[in-house]
Protein backbone atom coordinates (compact mmCIF):
# COMPACT_ATOMS: atom_id res chain seq x y z
CA UNK A 1 76.37 109.85 118.61
CA UNK A 2 79.96 109.57 119.90
CA UNK A 3 81.36 112.74 121.42
CA UNK A 4 84.92 111.70 122.30
CA UNK A 5 84.23 111.02 125.94
CA UNK A 6 84.94 107.83 127.90
CA UNK A 7 82.42 105.14 127.11
CA UNK A 8 82.11 105.99 123.41
CA UNK A 9 84.40 103.31 122.02
CA UNK A 10 86.57 100.60 123.60
CA UNK A 11 89.66 101.50 121.55
CA UNK A 12 89.67 105.18 122.47
CA UNK A 13 88.69 104.34 126.04
CA UNK A 14 91.87 102.27 126.30
CA UNK A 15 94.32 104.26 124.19
CA UNK A 16 93.19 107.86 124.75
CA UNK A 17 91.45 107.79 128.12
CA UNK A 18 93.66 105.14 129.79
CA UNK A 19 90.78 102.93 130.88
CA UNK A 20 91.11 99.17 131.33
CA UNK A 21 87.91 98.37 129.47
CA UNK A 22 88.15 94.57 129.28
CA UNK A 23 90.91 93.89 131.80
CA UNK A 24 94.28 95.46 132.65
CA UNK A 25 96.11 92.76 130.67
CA UNK A 26 93.97 93.22 127.55
CA UNK A 27 94.21 97.00 127.80
CA UNK A 28 98.01 96.73 127.95
CA UNK A 29 98.00 94.54 124.83
CA UNK A 30 95.86 97.09 122.98
CA UNK A 31 98.28 99.85 124.01
CA UNK A 32 101.29 97.81 122.87
CA UNK A 33 99.64 97.10 119.52
CA UNK A 34 98.79 100.79 119.19
CA UNK A 35 102.48 101.67 119.54
CA UNK A 36 103.60 99.02 117.03
CA UNK A 37 100.87 99.19 114.40
CA UNK A 38 100.40 101.33 111.33
CA UNK A 39 97.48 103.73 111.12
CA UNK A 40 95.59 101.23 108.96
CA UNK A 41 96.16 98.46 111.51
CA UNK A 42 95.00 100.76 114.33
CA UNK A 43 91.77 101.47 112.47
CA UNK A 44 91.26 97.76 111.88
CA UNK A 45 91.83 97.02 115.56
CA UNK A 46 89.42 99.76 116.55
CA UNK A 47 86.69 98.39 114.27
CA UNK A 48 87.39 94.84 115.43
CA UNK A 49 87.05 95.72 119.11
CA UNK A 50 83.82 97.59 118.55
CA UNK A 51 82.17 95.00 116.31
CA UNK A 52 83.48 91.67 117.60
CA UNK A 53 84.16 92.39 121.27
CA UNK A 54 81.66 95.08 122.12
CA UNK A 55 81.60 95.52 125.88
CA UNK A 56 77.79 95.59 125.86
CA UNK A 57 77.59 92.01 124.55
CA UNK A 58 79.57 90.29 127.33
CA UNK A 59 82.69 89.53 125.25
CA UNK A 60 85.00 86.57 125.81
CA UNK A 61 87.89 88.50 127.36
CA UNK A 62 90.20 85.47 127.55
CA UNK A 63 89.76 84.84 123.81
CA UNK A 64 90.36 88.52 123.06
CA UNK A 65 93.54 88.43 125.14
CA UNK A 66 94.84 85.43 123.22
CA UNK A 67 94.07 87.04 119.87
CA UNK A 68 95.70 90.33 120.85
CA UNK A 69 98.80 88.62 122.26
CA UNK A 70 99.23 86.76 118.97
CA UNK A 71 98.86 90.00 116.97
CA UNK A 72 101.28 91.87 119.25
CA UNK A 73 103.83 89.08 118.83
CA UNK A 74 103.47 89.26 115.04
CA UNK A 75 103.99 93.03 115.08
CA UNK A 76 107.04 92.69 117.34
CA UNK A 77 108.53 90.04 115.07
CA UNK A 78 107.94 92.23 112.00
CA UNK A 79 109.45 95.28 113.70
CA UNK A 80 112.56 93.36 114.73
CA UNK A 81 112.93 91.94 111.21
CA UNK A 82 112.93 95.51 109.87
CA UNK A 83 115.64 96.44 112.35
CA UNK A 84 113.59 98.37 114.87
CA UNK A 85 114.45 98.06 118.55
CA UNK A 86 111.44 97.07 120.62
């Protein structure tokens, strides 16, 4: 049962505990997305990381990085279109 400590979940490990779970570059992308995303999108990202890129199943970190970079770019584009400075 998760208890809020490092190692419980990749999303909280990265965002709350400041760990570079997959790689420093991927962790930075997760943090950028966290700052840009809505609460719903954060929950979706959290579930996605845990289910599709679980650190215990030797995830494809390069693929994850590409997917997160694409999502971050989409969020940045949307934010700029709404008039937010990023």
